[in-house]
Amino acid sequence: MGTEHIRSTRRMLSAAMTLGLTYTLTIAFMSMVDASVNTPTALPQAA
């Protein structure tokens, strides 16, 4: 009973970590693309 609870908690924790990692990688990738496509025409839109 106790081990089953720990197992489900670990599975939830793993899923949350995977989600967080994916989110962080997506944000980093988006900022990288944003920096590489930082043309003078895109600057007024960001402001």
PDB file of N, CA and C in Angstrom:
ATOM      1  N   MET A   1       0.845  -1.201   0.000  1.00  0.00           N
ATOM      2  CA  MET A   1       0.000   0.000   0.000  1.00  0.00           C
ATOM      3  C   MET A   1       0.876   1.245   0.000  1.00  0.00           C
ATOM      4  N   GLY A   2       1.876   1.263   0.883  1.00  0.00           N
ATOM      5  CA  GLY A   2       2.752   2.431   0.955  1.00  0.00           C
ATOM      6  C   GLY A   2       3.614   2.566  -0.289  1.00  0.00           C
ATOM      7  N   THR A   3       4.134   1.421  -0.776  1.00  0.00           N
ATOM      8  CA  THR A   3       4.995   1.471  -1.960  1.00  0.00           C
ATOM      9  C   THR A   3       4.209   1.918  -3.184  1.00  0.00           C
ATOM     10  N   GLU A   4       2.933   1.532  -3.266  1.00  0.00           N
ATOM     11  CA  GLU A   4       2.109   1.934  -4.405  1.00  0.00           C
ATOM     12  C   GLU A   4       1.911   3.448  -4.408  1.00  0.00           C
ATOM     13  N   HIS A   5       1.726   4.011  -3.223  1.00  0.00           N
ATOM     14  CA  HIS A   5       1.553   5.464  -3.120  1.00  0.00           C
ATOM     15  C   HIS A   5       2.831   6.176  -3.557  1.00  0.00           C
ATOM     16  N   ILE A   6       3.971   5.650  -3.114  1.00  0.00           N
ATOM     17  CA  ILE A   6       5.261   6.246  -3.487  1.00  0.00           C
ATOM     18  C   ILE A   6       5.468   6.147  -4.990  1.00  0.00           C
ATOM     19  N   ARG A   7       5.062   5.016  -5.562  1.00  0.00           N
ATOM     20  CA  ARG A   7       5.260   4.802  -6.994  1.00  0.00           C
ATOM     21  C   ARG A   7       4.428   5.805  -7.804  1.00  0.00           C
ATOM     22  N   SER A   8       3.171   6.008  -7.412  1.00  0.00           N
ATOM     23  CA  SER A   8       2.306   6.948  -8.140  1.00  0.00           C
ATOM     24  C   SER A   8       2.817   8.376  -7.967  1.00  0.00           C
ATOM     25  N   THR A   9       3.303   8.684  -6.764  1.00  0.00           N
ATOM     26  CA  THR A   9       3.839  10.027  -6.524  1.00  0.00           C
ATOM     27  C   THR A   9       5.065  10.262  -7.387  1.00  0.00           C
ATOM     28  N   ARG A  10       5.921   9.238  -7.475  1.00  0.00           N
ATOM     29  CA  ARG A  10       7.131   9.367  -8.288  1.00  0.00           C
ATOM     30  C   ARG A  10       6.767   9.540  -9.758  1.00  0.00           C
ATOM     31  N   ARG A  11       5.716   8.829 -10.194  1.00  0.00           N
ATOM     32  CA  ARG A  11       5.289   8.948 -11.590  1.00  0.00           C
ATOM     33  C   ARG A  11       4.782  10.367 -11.863  1.00  0.00           C
ATOM     34  N   MET A  12       4.009  10.915 -10.919  1.00  0.00           N
ATOM     35  CA  MET A  12       3.508  12.283 -11.072  1.00  0.00           C
ATOM     36  C   MET A  12       4.667  13.274 -11.083  1.00  0.00           C
ATOM     37  N   LEU A  13       5.640  13.052 -10.205  1.00  0.00           N
ATOM     38  CA  LEU A  13       6.800  13.936 -10.128  1.00  0.00           C
ATOM     39  C   LEU A  13       7.587  13.882 -11.428  1.00  0.00           C
ATOM     40  N   SER A  14       7.737  12.679 -11.976  1.00  0.00           N
ATOM     41  CA  SER A  14       8.467  12.519 -13.238  1.00  0.00           C
ATOM     42  C   SER A  14       7.748  13.243 -14.367  1.00  0.00           C
ATOM     43  N   ALA A  15       6.427  13.124 -14.401  1.00  0.00           N
ATOM     44  CA  ALA A  15       5.651  13.796 -15.441  1.00  0.00           C
ATOM     45  C   ALA A  15       5.773  15.309 -15.302  1.00  0.00           C
ATOM     46  N   ALA A  16       5.729  15.796 -14.072  1.00  0.00           N
ATOM     47  CA  ALA A  16       5.847  17.236 -13.835  1.00  0.00           C
ATOM     48  C   ALA A  16       7.225  17.738 -14.254  1.00  0.00           C
ATOM     49  N   MET A  17       8.257  16.954 -13.946  1.00  0.00           N
ATOM     50  CA  MET A  17       9.617  17.343 -14.324  1.00  0.00           C
ATOM     51  C   MET A  17       9.760  17.372 -15.840  1.00  0.00           C
ATOM     52  N   THR A  18       9.181  16.377 -16.510  1.00  0.00           N
ATOM     53  CA  THR A  18       9.244  16.339 -17.972  1.00  0.00           C
ATOM     54  C   THR A  18       8.536  17.546 -18.564  1.00  0.00           C
ATOM     55  N   LEU A  19       7.384  17.888 -18.004  1.00  0.00           N
ATOM     56  CA  LEU A  19       6.633  19.053 -18.480  1.00  0.00           C
ATOM     57  C   LEU A  19       7.449  20.324 -18.277  1.00  0.00           C
ATOM     58  N   GLY A  20       8.051  20.462 -17.096  1.00  0.00           N
ATOM     59  CA  GLY A  20       8.849  21.645 -16.803  1.00  0.00           C
ATOM     60  C   GLY A  20      10.049  21.749 -17.722  1.00  0.00           C
ATOM     61  N   LEU A  21      10.698  20.610 -17.982  1.00  0.00           N
ATOM     62  CA  LEU A  21      11.867  20.609 -18.857  1.00  0.00           C
ATOM     63  C   LEU A  21      11.472  20.996 -20.273  1.00  0.00           C
ATOM     64  N   THR A  22      10.358  20.447 -20.744  1.00  0.00           N
ATOM     65  CA  THR A  22       9.881  20.782 -22.090  1.00  0.00           C
ATOM     66  C   THR A  22       9.550  22.265 -22.180  1.00  0.00           C
ATOM     67  N   TYR A  23       8.897  22.788 -21.137  1.00  0.00           N
ATOM     68  CA  TYR A  23       8.524  24.204 -21.108  1.00  0.00           C
ATOM     69  C   TYR A  23       9.770  25.084 -21.139  1.00  0.00           C
ATOM     70  N   THR A  24      10.766  24.727 -20.309  1.00  0.00           N
ATOM     71  CA  THR A  24      11.998  25.512 -20.254  1.00  0.00           C
ATOM     72  C   THR A  24      12.729  25.479 -21.588  1.00  0.00           C
ATOM     73  N   LEU A  25      12.815  24.292 -22.203  1.00  0.00           N
ATOM     74  CA  LEU A  25      13.490  24.169 -23.495  1.00  0.00           C
ATOM     75  C   LEU A  25      12.760  24.964 -24.564  1.00  0.00           C
ATOM     76  N   THR A  26      11.433  24.942 -24.516  1.00  0.00           N
ATOM     77  CA  THR A  26      10.649  25.694 -25.504  1.00  0.00           C
ATOM     78  C   THR A  26      10.905  27.183 -25.354  1.00  0.00           C
ATOM     79  N   ILE A  27      10.902  27.680 -24.115  1.00  0.00           N
ATOM     80  CA  ILE A  27      11.145  29.107 -23.870  1.00  0.00           C
ATOM     81  C   ILE A  27      12.544  29.488 -24.338  1.00  0.00           C
ATOM     82  N   ALA A  28      13.535  28.649 -24.034  1.00  0.00           N
ATOM     83  CA  ALA A  28      14.910  28.939 -24.441  1.00  0.00           C
ATOM     84  C   ALA A  28      15.032  28.941 -25.958  1.00  0.00           C
ATOM     85  N   PHE A  29      14.367  27.994 -26.609  1.00  0.00           N
ATOM     86  CA  PHE A  29      14.412  27.915 -28.068  1.00  0.00           C
ATOM     87  C   PHE A  29      13.750  29.138 -28.690  1.00  0.00           C
ATOM     88  N   MET A  30      12.610  29.545 -28.127  1.00  0.00           N
ATOM     89  CA  MET A  30      11.897  30.710 -28.651  1.00  0.00           C
ATOM     90  C   MET A  30      12.743  31.970 -28.497  1.00  0.00           C
ATOM     91  N   SER A  31      13.392  32.131 -27.350  1.00  0.00           N
ATOM     92  CA  SER A  31      14.219  33.317 -27.132  1.00  0.00           C
ATOM     93  C   SER A  31      15.425  33.298 -28.059  1.00  0.00           C
ATOM     94  N   MET A  32      15.960  32.099 -28.334  1.00  0.00           N
ATOM     95  CA  MET A  32      17.089  31.976 -29.256  1.00  0.00           C
ATOM     96  C   MET A  32      16.668  32.410 -30.658  1.00  0.00           C
ATOM     97  N   VAL A  33      15.518  31.910 -31.106  1.00  0.00           N
ATOM     98  CA  VAL A  33      15.008  32.277 -32.429  1.00  0.00           C
ATOM     99  C   VAL A  33      14.711  33.766 -32.469  1.00  0.00           C
ATOM    100  N   ASP A  34      14.161  34.291 -31.379  1.00  0.00           N
ATOM    101  CA  ASP A  34      13.834  35.711 -31.307  1.00  0.00           C
ATOM    102  C   ASP A  34      15.103  36.549 -31.434  1.00  0.00           C
ATOM    103  N   ALA A  35      16.190  36.094 -30.820  1.00  0.00           N
ATOM    104  CA  ALA A  35      17.441  36.848 -30.869  1.00  0.00           C
ATOM    105  C   ALA A  35      18.071  36.762 -32.254  1.00  0.00           C
ATOM    106  N   SER A  36      17.925  35.626 -32.926  1.00  0.00           N
ATOM    107  CA  SER A  36      18.546  35.452 -34.243  1.00  0.00           C
ATOM    108  C   SER A  36      17.763  36.190 -35.318  1.00  0.00           C
ATOM    109  N   VAL A  37      16.475  36.448 -35.067  1.00  0.00           N
ATOM    110  CA  VAL A  37      15.649  37.149 -36.056  1.00  0.00           C
ATOM    111  C   VAL A  37      15.378  38.573 -35.570  1.00  0.00           C
ATOM    112  N   ASN A  38      16.353  39.133 -34.865  1.00  0.00           N
ATOM    113  CA  ASN A  38      16.183  40.466 -34.300  1.00  0.00           C
ATOM    114  C   ASN A  38      16.597  41.517 -35.320  1.00  0.00           C
ATOM    115  N   THR A  39      15.823  41.670 -36.380  1.00  0.00           N
ATOM    116  CA  THR A  39      16.117  42.664 -37.409  1.00  0.00           C
ATOM    117  C   THR A  39      15.584  44.025 -36.964  1.00  0.00           C
ATOM    118  N   PRO A  40      16.096  45.108 -37.536  1.00  0.00           N
ATOM    119  CA  PRO A  40      15.623  46.453 -37.155  1.00  0.00           C
ATOM    120  C   PRO A  40      14.121  46.629 -37.341  1.00  0.00           C
ATOM    121  N   THR A  41      13.517  45.877 -38.245  1.00  0.00           N
ATOM    122  CA  THR A  41      12.079  46.014 -38.469  1.00  0.00           C
ATOM    123  C   THR A  41      11.293  45.354 -37.343  1.00  0.00           C
ATOM    124  N   ALA A  42      11.917  44.404 -36.642  1.00  0.00           N
ATOM    125  CA  ALA A  42      11.212  43.699 -35.585  1.00  0.00           C
ATOM    126  C   ALA A  42      11.327  44.440 -34.253  1.00  0.00           C
ATOM    127  N   LEU A  43      12.262  45.377 -34.156  1.00  0.00           N
ATOM    128  CA  LEU A  43      12.453  46.093 -32.899  1.00  0.00           C
ATOM    129  C   LEU A  43      11.244  46.943 -32.505  1.00  0.00           C
ATOM    130  N   PRO A  44      10.655  47.736 -33.400  1.00  0.00           N
ATOM    131  CA  PRO A  44       9.487  48.535 -33.001  1.00  0.00           C
ATOM    132  C   PRO A  44       8.309  47.677 -32.546  1.00  0.00           C
ATOM    133  N   GLN A  45       8.174  46.459 -33.089  1.00  0.00           N
ATOM    134  CA  GLN A  45       7.072  45.591 -32.694  1.00  0.00           C
ATOM    135  C   GLN A  45       7.264  45.095 -31.262  1.00  0.00           C
ATOM    136  N   ALA A  46       8.517  44.869 -30.875  1.00  0.00           N
ATOM    137  CA  ALA A  46       8.781  44.361 -29.535  1.00  0.00           C
ATOM    138  C   ALA A  46       8.556  45.455 -28.498  1.00  0.00           C
ATOM    139  N   ALA A  47       8.778  46.717 -28.881  1.00  0.00           N
ATOM    140  CA  ALA A  47       8.637  47.821 -27.934  1.00  0.00           C
ATOM    141  C   ALA A  47       7.173  48.130 -27.631  1.00  0.00           C
TER     142      ALA A  47
END
